[in-house]
């Protein structure tokens, strides 16, 4: 009966906790992955959790038995945990700025650093970040609608950019941004001009085990599955075509929501395989 009462007591407490609350407690355990905290407001179990990046950006170590305060960044009802951020209480100006932002808001700033995992942006009206080169951060997928290998193909350090705010990343204390959201999506425009069954001409950009990618218009690539490369069975995509080859394909599916274009070389009329690409401006050419 006691266990049931404890569960009910914990559930009742969690319902009173809100994101943004500041809670205090005593450190119960410190591991590489997290720090557990016995909260002053609930002393039955150490339900407070401070993640590795939420401990402190000032490199002050946490020790068992030590006192700590942190801002609530998440309440996990299923796991019966309260996620806390110690860095939030140490950087009130930064947190206040980030919490005031709204999804869809346009923010301007200067590209401060380019990394293989994304781009840091020093926002014009934002405070300094105590750890990172900028408060704004653009992940690789949010840089451009077009495929690229290196973020430096899209932006350069020192460039002034305008982005759309997506979400407040409480784990890193940064504003997640989207550069591509401020620019037209070429796939949506392309999808309005073509239809399933339409013949297209393009060049092979990438050969992978499941098939090949074909560029059929500026910024638009579709996948020809290996089963759709030829009339006969194909063991490897590279046995049929290579990067740079010009091919004729037919559209088999247009998935606007997932921005995916499925193509078939096998279903394209054989007499069209060697036809020249349509001249610019030809209504059959979606790039025209």
Protein backbone atom coordinates (compact mmCIF):
# COMPACT_ATOMS: atom_id res chain seq x y z
CA UNK A 1 0.00 0.00 0.00
CA UNK A 2 2.89 2.31 0.78
CA UNK A 3 4.28 1.97 -2.76
CA UNK A 4 0.92 2.93 -4.24
CA UNK A 5 0.72 5.96 -1.99
CA UNK A 6 4.25 6.98 -2.96
CA UNK A 7 3.35 6.73 -6.67
CA UNK A 8 0.24 8.82 -6.17
CA UNK A 9 2.22 11.37 -4.17
CA UNK A 10 4.88 11.58 -6.90
CA UNK A 11 2.29 11.95 -9.66
CA UNK A 12 0.56 14.71 -7.70
CA UNK A 13 3.86 16.54 -7.21
CA UNK A 14 4.84 16.29 -10.88
CA UNK A 15 1.52 17.89 -11.85
CA UNK A 16 2.51 20.98 -9.86
CA UNK A 17 5.89 21.41 -11.57
CA UNK A 18 6.14 23.66 -14.63
CA UNK A 19 8.88 24.34 -17.14
CA UNK A 20 10.68 27.48 -16.00
CA UNK A 21 10.33 26.78 -12.28
CA UNK A 22 13.55 26.95 -10.26
CA UNK A 23 13.98 24.04 -7.84
CA UNK A 24 16.64 23.37 -5.23
CA UNK A 25 17.89 20.14 -3.76
CA UNK A 26 20.79 17.94 -2.68
CA UNK A 27 22.98 15.97 -5.09
CA UNK A 28 22.29 12.25 -4.61
CA UNK A 29 24.53 10.73 -7.29
CA UNK A 30 26.97 11.90 -9.96
CA UNK A 31 27.77 9.79 -13.04
CA UNK A 32 29.17 10.60 -16.47
CA UNK A 33 25.72 10.58 -18.02
CA UNK A 34 23.74 12.50 -15.40
CA UNK A 35 23.41 13.91 -11.89
CA UNK A 36 20.44 12.92 -9.75
CA UNK A 37 19.02 15.37 -7.23
CA UNK A 38 16.87 14.88 -4.16
CA UNK A 39 14.56 17.86 -4.45
CA UNK A 40 13.63 19.88 -1.40
CA UNK A 41 10.00 19.85 -2.55
CA UNK A 42 9.93 16.05 -2.90
CA UNK A 43 12.28 14.11 -0.62
CA UNK A 44 11.00 10.57 -1.15
CA UNK A 45 13.12 9.89 -4.25
CA UNK A 46 15.90 11.67 -6.19
CA UNK A 47 13.73 12.50 -9.20
CA UNK A 48 15.67 15.58 -10.28
CA UNK A 49 17.93 14.93 -13.28
CA UNK A 50 20.73 17.20 -14.54
CA UNK A 51 22.21 16.12 -17.87
CA UNK A 52 25.94 16.42 -18.72
CA UNK A 53 25.52 19.69 -20.64
CA UNK A 54 23.07 21.07 -18.10
CA UNK A 55 25.42 20.83 -15.13
CA UNK A 56 27.42 24.02 -15.49
CA UNK A 57 29.27 25.88 -18.22
CA UNK A 58 31.61 27.23 -15.56
CA UNK A 59 33.12 23.78 -15.00
CA UNK A 60 32.22 23.78 -11.32
CA UNK A 61 31.99 20.10 -10.29
CA UNK A 62 28.94 18.68 -8.58
CA UNK A 63 29.55 16.48 -5.55
CA UNK A 64 27.30 14.08 -3.68
CA UNK A 65 25.76 15.91 -0.75
CA UNK A 66 26.26 19.32 -2.31
CA UNK A 67 23.46 21.82 -2.74
CA UNK A 68 22.27 22.72 -6.21
CA UNK A 69 19.55 24.75 -7.90
CA UNK A 70 18.32 24.43 -11.45
CA UNK A 71 15.58 25.57 -13.80
CA UNK A 72 13.02 22.99 -14.89
CA UNK A 73 13.41 22.36 -18.62
CA UNK A 74 11.18 19.28 -18.87
CA UNK A 75 8.79 17.20 -16.76
CA UNK A 76 8.76 13.54 -17.81
CA UNK A 77 5.57 12.03 -16.41
CA UNK A 78 6.27 8.60 -17.88
CA UNK A 79 9.79 8.31 -16.45
CA UNK A 80 8.77 10.14 -13.25
CA UNK A 81 11.61 12.66 -13.64
CA UNK A 82 12.17 16.40 -13.57
CA UNK A 83 14.89 17.59 -15.96
CA UNK A 84 16.87 20.49 -14.53
CA UNK A 85 19.36 22.90 -16.03
CA UNK A 86 21.99 24.38 -13.76
CA UNK A 87 23.35 26.42 -16.65
CA UNK A 88 19.94 28.13 -16.98
CA UNK A 89 20.17 29.59 -13.49
CA UNK A 90 23.76 30.72 -14.15
CA UNK A 91 22.85 32.54 -17.39
CA UNK A 92 19.50 34.26 -16.70
CA UNK A 93 19.95 36.87 -19.47
CA UNK A 94 20.54 34.19 -22.10
CA UNK A 95 17.62 32.06 -20.93
CA UNK A 96 15.26 35.04 -20.77
CA UNK A 97 16.18 35.99 -24.34
CA UNK A 98 15.70 32.46 -25.67
CA UNK A 99 12.40 31.88 -23.85
CA UNK A 100 10.99 35.09 -25.36
CA UNK A 101 11.52 33.86 -28.94
CA UNK A 102 8.58 32.45 -30.90
CA UNK A 103 8.57 29.80 -33.67
CA UNK A 104 8.54 31.43 -37.08
CA UNK A 105 10.19 34.63 -35.84
CA UNK A 106 12.86 36.01 -38.19
CA UNK A 107 16.29 36.56 -36.63
CA UNK A 108 19.33 38.11 -38.27
CA UNK A 109 22.96 37.52 -37.42
CA UNK A 110 26.47 36.83 -38.63
CA UNK A 111 27.87 33.38 -39.34
CA UNK A 112 30.39 32.95 -36.51
CA UNK A 113 31.68 29.43 -37.15
CA UNK A 114 31.14 26.55 -39.56
CA UNK A 115 31.42 22.99 -38.25
CA UNK A 116 30.83 19.62 -39.91
CA UNK A 117 27.59 19.28 -37.89
CA UNK A 118 26.18 22.77 -38.53
CA UNK A 119 26.66 26.51 -38.37
CA UNK A 120 26.85 28.89 -35.40
CA UNK A 121 25.24 32.32 -35.81
CA UNK A 122 26.00 35.35 -33.68
CA UNK A 123 22.56 36.98 -33.50
CA UNK A 124 22.35 40.76 -33.91
CA UNK A 125 20.09 41.26 -30.90
CA UNK A 126 21.13 38.22 -28.89
CA UNK A 127 23.43 37.95 -25.88
CA UNK A 128 26.78 36.20 -25.99
CA UNK A 129 26.86 32.47 -25.37
CA UNK A 130 29.20 31.41 -22.54
CA UNK A 131 30.46 28.38 -24.49
CA UNK A 132 29.60 28.53 -28.19
CA UNK A 133 30.58 31.13 -30.85
CA UNK A 134 26.95 32.20 -31.20
CA UNK A 135 23.53 31.82 -29.62
CA UNK A 136 21.98 30.74 -32.94
CA UNK A 137 22.63 27.34 -34.51
CA UNK A 138 21.63 25.92 -37.91
CA UNK A 139 21.73 22.14 -38.32
CA UNK A 140 22.82 20.71 -41.67
CA UNK A 141 19.29 19.86 -42.94
CA UNK A 142 18.09 23.41 -42.19
CA UNK A 143 20.82 25.13 -44.23
CA UNK A 144 19.44 24.58 -47.72
CA UNK A 145 16.73 22.83 -49.71
CA UNK A 146 19.42 21.64 -52.10
CA UNK A 147 21.83 18.78 -51.48
CA UNK A 148 25.35 19.75 -50.47
CA UNK A 149 28.40 18.04 -49.04
CA UNK A 150 29.89 20.82 -46.93
CA UNK A 151 28.08 23.70 -45.15
CA UNK A 152 30.68 26.10 -46.55
CA UNK A 153 28.99 25.54 -49.93
CA UNK A 154 25.95 27.36 -48.52
CA UNK A 155 27.34 30.03 -46.17
CA UNK A 156 30.67 31.55 -45.23
CA UNK A 157 32.08 32.89 -41.96
CA UNK A 158 31.28 36.58 -41.62
CA UNK A 159 28.22 36.38 -43.88
CA UNK A 160 25.10 38.14 -42.60
CA UNK A 161 22.04 35.87 -42.75
CA UNK A 162 18.36 36.01 -41.84
CA UNK A 163 16.86 32.82 -40.44
CA UNK A 164 13.62 31.54 -39.00
CA UNK A 165 13.52 30.55 -35.33
CA UNK A 166 12.48 26.92 -34.84
CA UNK A 167 12.89 26.01 -31.19
CA UNK A 168 14.73 26.84 -27.98
CA UNK A 169 17.27 24.08 -27.46
CA UNK A 170 17.40 23.95 -23.67
CA UNK A 171 20.09 21.25 -23.75
CA UNK A 172 22.65 23.54 -25.37
CA UNK A 173 21.11 26.88 -24.46
CA UNK A 174 20.77 28.00 -28.06
CA UNK A 175 18.24 29.09 -30.67
CA UNK A 176 17.77 26.45 -33.37
CA UNK A 177 17.40 28.25 -36.68
CA UNK A 178 16.44 27.48 -40.27
CA UNK A 179 18.01 29.28 -43.19
CA UNK A 180 16.14 27.28 -45.81
CA UNK A 181 12.77 28.26 -44.31
CA UNK A 182 13.38 31.83 -45.47
CA UNK A 183 13.82 30.72 -49.08
CA UNK A 184 11.43 29.16 -51.62
CA UNK A 185 11.34 25.37 -51.64
CA UNK A 186 12.26 24.34 -55.21
CA UNK A 187 10.58 20.96 -54.76
CA UNK A 188 7.16 22.50 -54.11
CA UNK A 189 7.48 24.63 -57.25
CA UNK A 190 8.70 21.62 -59.25
CA UNK A 191 5.84 19.41 -58.00
CA UNK A 192 3.27 21.90 -59.28
CA UNK A 193 4.70 21.70 -62.80
CA UNK A 194 5.04 17.95 -63.29
CA UNK A 195 2.88 14.84 -63.00
CA UNK A 196 3.21 11.09 -62.59
CA UNK A 197 3.97 9.48 -65.96
CA UNK A 198 5.89 12.48 -67.26
CA UNK A 199 9.18 11.81 -69.08
CA UNK A 200 12.21 13.70 -67.81
CA UNK A 201 15.88 13.88 -68.76
CA UNK A 202 18.64 14.28 -66.21
CA UNK A 203 22.11 13.32 -65.09
CA UNK A 204 23.25 10.77 -62.53
CA UNK A 205 24.59 12.49 -59.39
CA UNK A 206 25.07 9.56 -57.05
CA UNK A 207 25.19 5.77 -57.26
CA UNK A 208 24.15 3.86 -54.13
CA UNK A 209 23.30 0.18 -53.46
CA UNK A 210 19.56 0.79 -53.63
CA UNK A 211 19.70 2.71 -56.90
CA UNK A 212 20.83 6.00 -58.39
CA UNK A 213 19.95 9.66 -57.87
CA UNK A 214 19.11 11.71 -60.94
CA UNK A 215 19.15 15.50 -61.13
CA UNK A 216 16.13 16.39 -63.27
CA UNK A 217 16.02 20.13 -62.56
CA UNK A 218 17.98 22.75 -60.65
CA UNK A 219 18.00 21.60 -57.02
CA UNK A 220 15.74 18.62 -57.76
CA UNK A 221 16.89 15.02 -57.54
CA UNK A 222 14.90 11.81 -57.73
CA UNK A 223 15.71 8.19 -56.97
CA UNK A 224 15.64 5.40 -59.50
CA UNK A 225 15.46 2.19 -57.49
CA UNK A 226 17.80 -0.54 -58.67
CA UNK A 227 14.76 -2.57 -59.74
CA UNK A 228 13.72 0.30 -62.04
CA UNK A 229 17.07 0.77 -63.77
CA UNK A 230 16.65 -1.73 -66.60
CA UNK A 231 14.25 -4.27 -68.07
CA UNK A 232 16.49 -7.09 -66.86
CA UNK A 233 17.62 -7.86 -63.32
CA UNK A 234 20.40 -5.58 -62.12
CA UNK A 235 22.86 -6.83 -59.49
CA UNK A 236 24.56 -3.48 -58.84
CA UNK A 237 23.48 0.04 -59.78
CA UNK A 238 26.95 0.84 -61.08
CA UNK A 239 26.65 -1.95 -63.67
CA UNK A 240 24.07 0.12 -65.56
CA UNK A 241 24.97 3.79 -65.11
CA UNK A 242 27.76 5.94 -63.66
CA UNK A 243 27.89 9.41 -62.13
CA UNK A 244 27.61 11.97 -64.92
CA UNK A 245 25.63 9.77 -67.30
CA UNK A 246 22.66 11.41 -69.01
CA UNK A 247 19.49 9.32 -68.69
CA UNK A 248 15.81 9.45 -69.53
CA UNK A 249 13.33 8.54 -66.80
CA UNK A 250 9.63 8.62 -66.06
CA UNK A 251 8.02 9.92 -62.86
CA UNK A 252 6.37 7.14 -60.84
CA UNK A 253 5.63 8.99 -57.61
CA UNK A 254 5.67 12.55 -56.24
CA UNK A 255 5.61 12.77 -52.44
CA UNK A 256 5.19 16.46 -51.69
CA UNK A 257 5.08 16.08 -47.91
CA UNK A 258 8.33 14.11 -47.70
CA UNK A 259 9.86 15.91 -50.70
CA UNK A 260 10.62 12.65 -52.50
CA UNK A 261 10.58 11.95 -56.20
CA UNK A 262 10.51 8.35 -57.43
CA UNK A 263 11.68 7.71 -60.98
CA UNK A 264 11.96 4.75 -63.35
CA UNK A 265 14.33 4.23 -66.24
CA UNK A 266 12.87 0.81 -66.96
CA UNK A 267 9.35 2.17 -67.56
CA UNK A 268 10.47 5.03 -69.79
CA UNK A 269 9.78 4.26 -73.48
CA UNK A 270 12.91 2.71 -75.00
CA UNK A 271 12.80 5.11 -77.93
CA UNK A 272 13.07 7.98 -75.43
CA UNK A 273 16.23 6.65 -73.76
CA UNK A 274 18.46 8.31 -76.34
CA UNK A 275 16.34 11.41 -77.01
CA UNK A 276 18.08 14.77 -76.47
CA UNK A 277 17.01 16.82 -73.47
CA UNK A 278 14.22 19.33 -74.17
CA UNK A 279 15.37 22.82 -75.13
CA UNK A 280 15.06 25.55 -72.46
CA UNK A 281 11.56 26.89 -72.27
CA UNK A 282 9.98 23.68 -73.58
CA UNK A 283 6.82 23.12 -71.51
CA UNK A 284 7.80 19.47 -71.09
CA UNK A 285 10.97 20.55 -69.33
CA UNK A 286 10.20 21.24 -65.62
CA UNK A 287 13.40 23.25 -65.31
CA UNK A 288 12.39 25.58 -68.10
